[in-house]
Structures are given as structure tokens and as C-alpha cells.
Amino acid sequence: MIRAGLRRLLVVLVVVMGGAAAISAAIGALAGRSIPHALAIGYYVVAAGSLVISFALGIRGPMRVDRTDDVQEYGPAPFGGIFGVPRGGPGGRRQRRKATPEERRETRLASVGLFVFGVLLVLLGAAFDPTHRVF
């Protein structure tokens, strides 16, 4: 079971890193830049996205949203429209509940994993970057 999970994780990492390399190399070639410089910029961009998502997951509070399907109350339509809009949005009422310890643990692990992945991508981008020397 752990071996299968690690294999799936490796596939996701290879797809993200390979996709970032392919897209950034193509854009860099079209822009007339060197391929190593384009790869470095691509890895920096993906790393920034990973770090932002890690931060967003990390600051989530202990409350979660549960949606129910009972849409019975109607309120006034926004901007003076004719038809009413269900209170609680089109998906029904939203109830709040406390997250289970397992949910909070998974969120923490996902946040830490994305942070580590982002840092690794920054280091990989720095290794490819021809404008700076790593050592």
C-alpha cells in the first residue's frame, strides 16, 4: 500500500516537473531565450504556485463547511431581479462543523508536502539558472 502511494506520488511529481519543463522550454524557445534560463524561470513559477497553495492550506482554520440540499427559503434576488435566490446559495445551506483530527492532520501533511516540493523546485530552478552560480 505504501509502495503504491509512493509510486503515485512519484508519477505526480514527474508529470508536474516534466510539464513545467516542457511548457517553459517551449515558451523560452519562442521568446528566443536560452533553454536553461527558460527552465529555471518555469521551475521558479511552479515553485511559487506550490508555496502559495501550501500557505493557503496551512492557514485553514479548524472549521469545515457541510452543504445540505434543503433549499426551501427564498430571499430577494440580488440587484432587484424578479426571481428569488435560495438562501445559502444555489447549492443549499452551508453548515459549519469542526474538522476531525484526521482531516486536520491530512491538511497539515499536504501543506508541509507542498512546501517541501516548492523548496525543491526553487533549488532545481537555481541549479538550472545560468545567471547565478550555485557553488
C-alpha atoms as a PDB file:
ATOM      1  CA  MET A   1       0.000   0.000   0.000  1.00  0.00           C
ATOM      2  CA  ILE A   2       2.800   2.421   0.842  1.00  0.00           C
ATOM      3  CA  ARG A   3       4.674   1.381  -2.282  1.00  0.00           C
ATOM      4  CA  ALA A   4       1.629   2.150  -4.442  1.00  0.00           C
ATOM      5  CA  GLY A   5       1.202   5.539  -2.771  1.00  0.00           C
ATOM      6  CA  LEU A   6       4.851   6.417  -3.320  1.00  0.00           C
ATOM      7  CA  ARG A   7       4.558   5.354  -6.955  1.00  0.00           C
ATOM      8  CA  ARG A   8       1.532   7.635  -7.461  1.00  0.00           C
ATOM      9  CA  LEU A   9       3.360  10.495  -5.745  1.00  0.00           C
ATOM     10  CA  LEU A  10       6.378   9.975  -7.973  1.00  0.00           C
ATOM     11  CA  VAL A  11       4.166   9.974 -11.070  1.00  0.00           C
ATOM     12  CA  VAL A  12       2.558  13.269  -9.997  1.00  0.00           C
ATOM     13  CA  LEU A  13       5.965  14.850  -9.315  1.00  0.00           C
ATOM     14  CA  VAL A  14       7.366  13.706 -12.655  1.00  0.00           C
ATOM     15  CA  VAL A  15       4.285  14.951 -14.527  1.00  0.00           C
ATOM     16  CA  VAL A  16       4.387  18.365 -12.817  1.00  0.00           C
ATOM     17  CA  MET A  17       8.136  18.780 -13.257  1.00  0.00           C
ATOM     18  CA  GLY A  18       8.098  17.439 -16.828  1.00  0.00           C
ATOM     19  CA  GLY A  19       5.112  19.601 -17.753  1.00  0.00           C
ATOM     20  CA  ALA A  20       6.760  22.678 -16.293  1.00  0.00           C
ATOM     21  CA  ALA A  21       9.966  21.867 -18.194  1.00  0.00           C
ATOM     22  CA  ALA A  22       8.155  21.278 -21.494  1.00  0.00           C
ATOM     23  CA  ILE A  23       5.990  24.390 -21.279  1.00  0.00           C
ATOM     24  CA  SER A  24       8.800  26.673 -20.117  1.00  0.00           C
ATOM     25  CA  ALA A  25      11.220  25.317 -22.730  1.00  0.00           C
ATOM     26  CA  ALA A  26       8.655  25.887 -25.477  1.00  0.00           C
ATOM     27  CA  ILE A  27       7.899  29.431 -24.303  1.00  0.00           C
ATOM     28  CA  GLY A  28      11.608  30.145 -23.885  1.00  0.00           C
ATOM     29  CA  ALA A  29      12.361  28.883 -27.405  1.00  0.00           C
ATOM     30  CA  LEU A  30       9.572  31.047 -28.818  1.00  0.00           C
ATOM     31  CA  ALA A  31      10.887  34.049 -26.900  1.00  0.00           C
ATOM     32  CA  GLY A  32      14.458  33.445 -28.096  1.00  0.00           C
ATOM     33  CA  ARG A  33      15.889  32.776 -24.616  1.00  0.00           C
ATOM     34  CA  SER A  34      18.280  30.017 -23.668  1.00  0.00           C
ATOM     35  CA  ILE A  35      16.703  26.746 -22.641  1.00  0.00           C
ATOM     36  CA  PRO A  36      18.395  26.560 -19.185  1.00  0.00           C
ATOM     37  CA  HIS A  37      17.192  30.071 -18.383  1.00  0.00           C
ATOM     38  CA  ALA A  38      13.651  29.202 -19.502  1.00  0.00           C
ATOM     39  CA  LEU A  39      13.703  26.012 -17.408  1.00  0.00           C
ATOM     40  CA  ALA A  40      14.847  27.954 -14.356  1.00  0.00           C
ATOM     41  CA  ILE A  41      12.057  30.510 -14.762  1.00  0.00           C
ATOM     42  CA  GLY A  42       9.482  27.747 -15.289  1.00  0.00           C
ATOM     43  CA  TYR A  43      10.568  25.923 -12.145  1.00  0.00           C
ATOM     44  CA  TYR A  44      10.518  29.195 -10.193  1.00  0.00           C
ATOM     45  CA  VAL A  45       6.937  29.878 -11.317  1.00  0.00           C
ATOM     46  CA  VAL A  46       5.711  26.391 -10.395  1.00  0.00           C
ATOM     47  CA  ALA A  47       7.550  26.633  -7.061  1.00  0.00           C
ATOM     48  CA  ALA A  48       5.850  29.945  -6.306  1.00  0.00           C
ATOM     49  CA  GLY A  49       2.456  28.394  -7.051  1.00  0.00           C
ATOM     50  CA  SER A  50       3.231  25.416  -4.847  1.00  0.00           C
ATOM     51  CA  LEU A  51       4.323  27.662  -1.986  1.00  0.00           C
ATOM     52  CA  VAL A  52       1.198  29.826  -2.272  1.00  0.00           C
ATOM     53  CA  ILE A  53      -1.059  26.756  -2.199  1.00  0.00           C
ATOM     54  CA  SER A  54       0.933  25.420   0.761  1.00  0.00           C
ATOM     55  CA  PHE A  55       0.364  28.689   2.597  1.00  0.00           C
ATOM     56  CA  ALA A  56      -3.365  28.642   1.776  1.00  0.00           C
ATOM     57  CA  LEU A  57      -3.708  25.093   3.111  1.00  0.00           C
ATOM     58  CA  GLY A  58      -1.643  25.907   6.168  1.00  0.00           C
ATOM     59  CA  ILE A  59      -3.795  28.826   7.326  1.00  0.00           C
ATOM     60  CA  ARG A  60      -7.105  26.961   7.079  1.00  0.00           C
ATOM     61  CA  GLY A  61      -8.979  27.065  10.314  1.00  0.00           C
ATOM     62  CA  PRO A  62     -10.397  24.121  12.238  1.00  0.00           C
ATOM     63  CA  MET A  63     -13.916  24.610  10.816  1.00  0.00           C
ATOM     64  CA  ARG A  64     -15.199  22.895   7.656  1.00  0.00           C
ATOM     65  CA  VAL A  65     -18.273  23.510   5.534  1.00  0.00           C
ATOM     66  CA  ASP A  66     -21.008  20.909   5.128  1.00  0.00           C
ATOM     67  CA  ARG A  67     -23.552  21.538   2.405  1.00  0.00           C
ATOM     68  CA  THR A  68     -27.110  20.348   2.771  1.00  0.00           C
ATOM     69  CA  ASP A  69     -29.645  20.031  -0.032  1.00  0.00           C
ATOM     70  CA  ASP A  70     -32.628  21.554   1.751  1.00  0.00           C
ATOM     71  CA  VAL A  71     -33.271  24.685  -0.280  1.00  0.00           C
ATOM     72  CA  GLN A  72     -36.651  25.915   0.823  1.00  0.00           C
ATOM     73  CA  GLU A  73     -36.273  29.501   1.897  1.00  0.00           C
ATOM     74  CA  TYR A  74     -36.089  32.131  -0.784  1.00  0.00           C
ATOM     75  CA  GLY A  75     -34.837  35.638  -0.312  1.00  0.00           C
ATOM     76  CA  PRO A  76     -34.885  38.675  -2.507  1.00  0.00           C
ATOM     77  CA  ALA A  77     -32.977  38.468  -5.752  1.00  0.00           C
ATOM     78  CA  PRO A  78     -29.773  40.474  -5.995  1.00  0.00           C
ATOM     79  CA  PHE A  79     -29.947  43.788  -7.845  1.00  0.00           C
ATOM     80  CA  GLY A  80     -33.756  43.839  -7.804  1.00  0.00           C
ATOM     81  CA  GLY A  81     -34.346  40.813 -10.022  1.00  0.00           C
ATOM     82  CA  ILE A  82     -37.713  39.124 -10.458  1.00  0.00           C
ATOM     83  CA  PHE A  83     -36.943  35.645  -9.158  1.00  0.00           C
ATOM     84  CA  GLY A  84     -35.788  34.837  -5.645  1.00  0.00           C
ATOM     85  CA  VAL A  85     -32.470  33.216  -4.874  1.00  0.00           C
ATOM     86  CA  PRO A  86     -32.240  30.354  -2.369  1.00  0.00           C
ATOM     87  CA  ARG A  87     -30.633  31.470   0.864  1.00  0.00           C
ATOM     88  CA  GLY A  88     -27.336  29.758   1.304  1.00  0.00           C
ATOM     89  CA  GLY A  89     -26.559  29.886  -2.404  1.00  0.00           C
ATOM     90  CA  PRO A  90     -27.556  27.605  -5.242  1.00  0.00           C
ATOM     91  CA  GLY A  91     -26.082  24.534  -3.551  1.00  0.00           C
ATOM     92  CA  GLY A  92     -28.226  24.794  -0.436  1.00  0.00           C
ATOM     93  CA  ARG A  93     -27.476  25.868   3.099  1.00  0.00           C
ATOM     94  CA  ARG A  94     -23.940  25.671   4.352  1.00  0.00           C
ATOM     95  CA  GLN A  95     -23.434  24.331   7.834  1.00  0.00           C
ATOM     96  CA  ARG A  96     -20.177  24.612   9.724  1.00  0.00           C
ATOM     97  CA  ARG A  97     -18.658  21.738  11.622  1.00  0.00           C
ATOM     98  CA  LYS A  98     -15.424  21.135  13.445  1.00  0.00           C
ATOM     99  CA  ALA A  99     -12.828  19.266  11.405  1.00  0.00           C
ATOM    100  CA  THR A 100     -11.900  15.824  12.597  1.00  0.00           C
ATOM    101  CA  PRO A 101      -8.342  15.252  13.840  1.00  0.00           C
ATOM    102  CA  GLU A 102      -7.693  13.121  10.745  1.00  0.00           C
ATOM    103  CA  GLU A 103      -8.779  15.966   8.436  1.00  0.00           C
ATOM    104  CA  ARG A 104      -6.564  18.445  10.251  1.00  0.00           C
ATOM    105  CA  ARG A 105      -3.630  16.016  10.098  1.00  0.00           C
ATOM    106  CA  GLU A 106      -4.112  15.480   6.356  1.00  0.00           C
ATOM    107  CA  THR A 107      -4.264  19.235   5.782  1.00  0.00           C
ATOM    108  CA  ARG A 108      -1.036  19.755   7.749  1.00  0.00           C
ATOM    109  CA  LEU A 109       0.744  16.982   5.852  1.00  0.00           C
ATOM    110  CA  ALA A 110      -0.443  18.300   2.492  1.00  0.00           C
ATOM    111  CA  SER A 111       0.741  21.788   3.402  1.00  0.00           C
ATOM    112  CA  VAL A 112       4.168  20.551   4.502  1.00  0.00           C
ATOM    113  CA  GLY A 113       4.464  18.333   1.413  1.00  0.00           C
ATOM    114  CA  LEU A 114       3.663  21.217  -0.930  1.00  0.00           C
ATOM    115  CA  PHE A 115       6.124  23.433   0.938  1.00  0.00           C
ATOM    116  CA  VAL A 116       8.925  20.874   0.578  1.00  0.00           C
ATOM    117  CA  PHE A 117       8.045  20.387  -3.104  1.00  0.00           C
ATOM    118  CA  GLY A 118       8.151  24.156  -3.647  1.00  0.00           C
ATOM    119  CA  VAL A 119      11.539  24.471  -1.969  1.00  0.00           C
ATOM    120  CA  LEU A 120      12.886  21.584  -4.058  1.00  0.00           C
ATOM    121  CA  LEU A 121      11.640  23.291  -7.217  1.00  0.00           C
ATOM    122  CA  VAL A 122      13.332  26.539  -6.184  1.00  0.00           C
ATOM    123  CA  LEU A 123      16.591  24.621  -5.698  1.00  0.00           C
ATOM    124  CA  LEU A 124      16.132  22.853  -9.039  1.00  0.00           C
ATOM    125  CA  GLY A 125      15.485  26.181 -10.731  1.00  0.00           C
ATOM    126  CA  ALA A 126      18.600  27.607  -9.098  1.00  0.00           C
ATOM    127  CA  ALA A 127      20.618  24.657 -10.382  1.00  0.00           C
ATOM    128  CA  PHE A 128      19.425  25.332 -13.964  1.00  0.00           C
ATOM    129  CA  ASP A 129      19.724  29.117 -13.778  1.00  0.00           C
ATOM    130  CA  PRO A 130      22.716  30.204 -15.883  1.00  0.00           C
ATOM    131  CA  THR A 131      22.765  33.730 -14.441  1.00  0.00           C
ATOM    132  CA  HIS A 132      23.703  32.550 -10.930  1.00  0.00           C
ATOM    133  CA  ARG A 133      26.227  30.038  -9.728  1.00  0.00           C
ATOM    134  CA  VAL A 134      25.094  27.578  -7.096  1.00  0.00           C
ATOM    135  CA  PHE A 135      28.598  26.808  -5.834  1.00  0.00           C
END
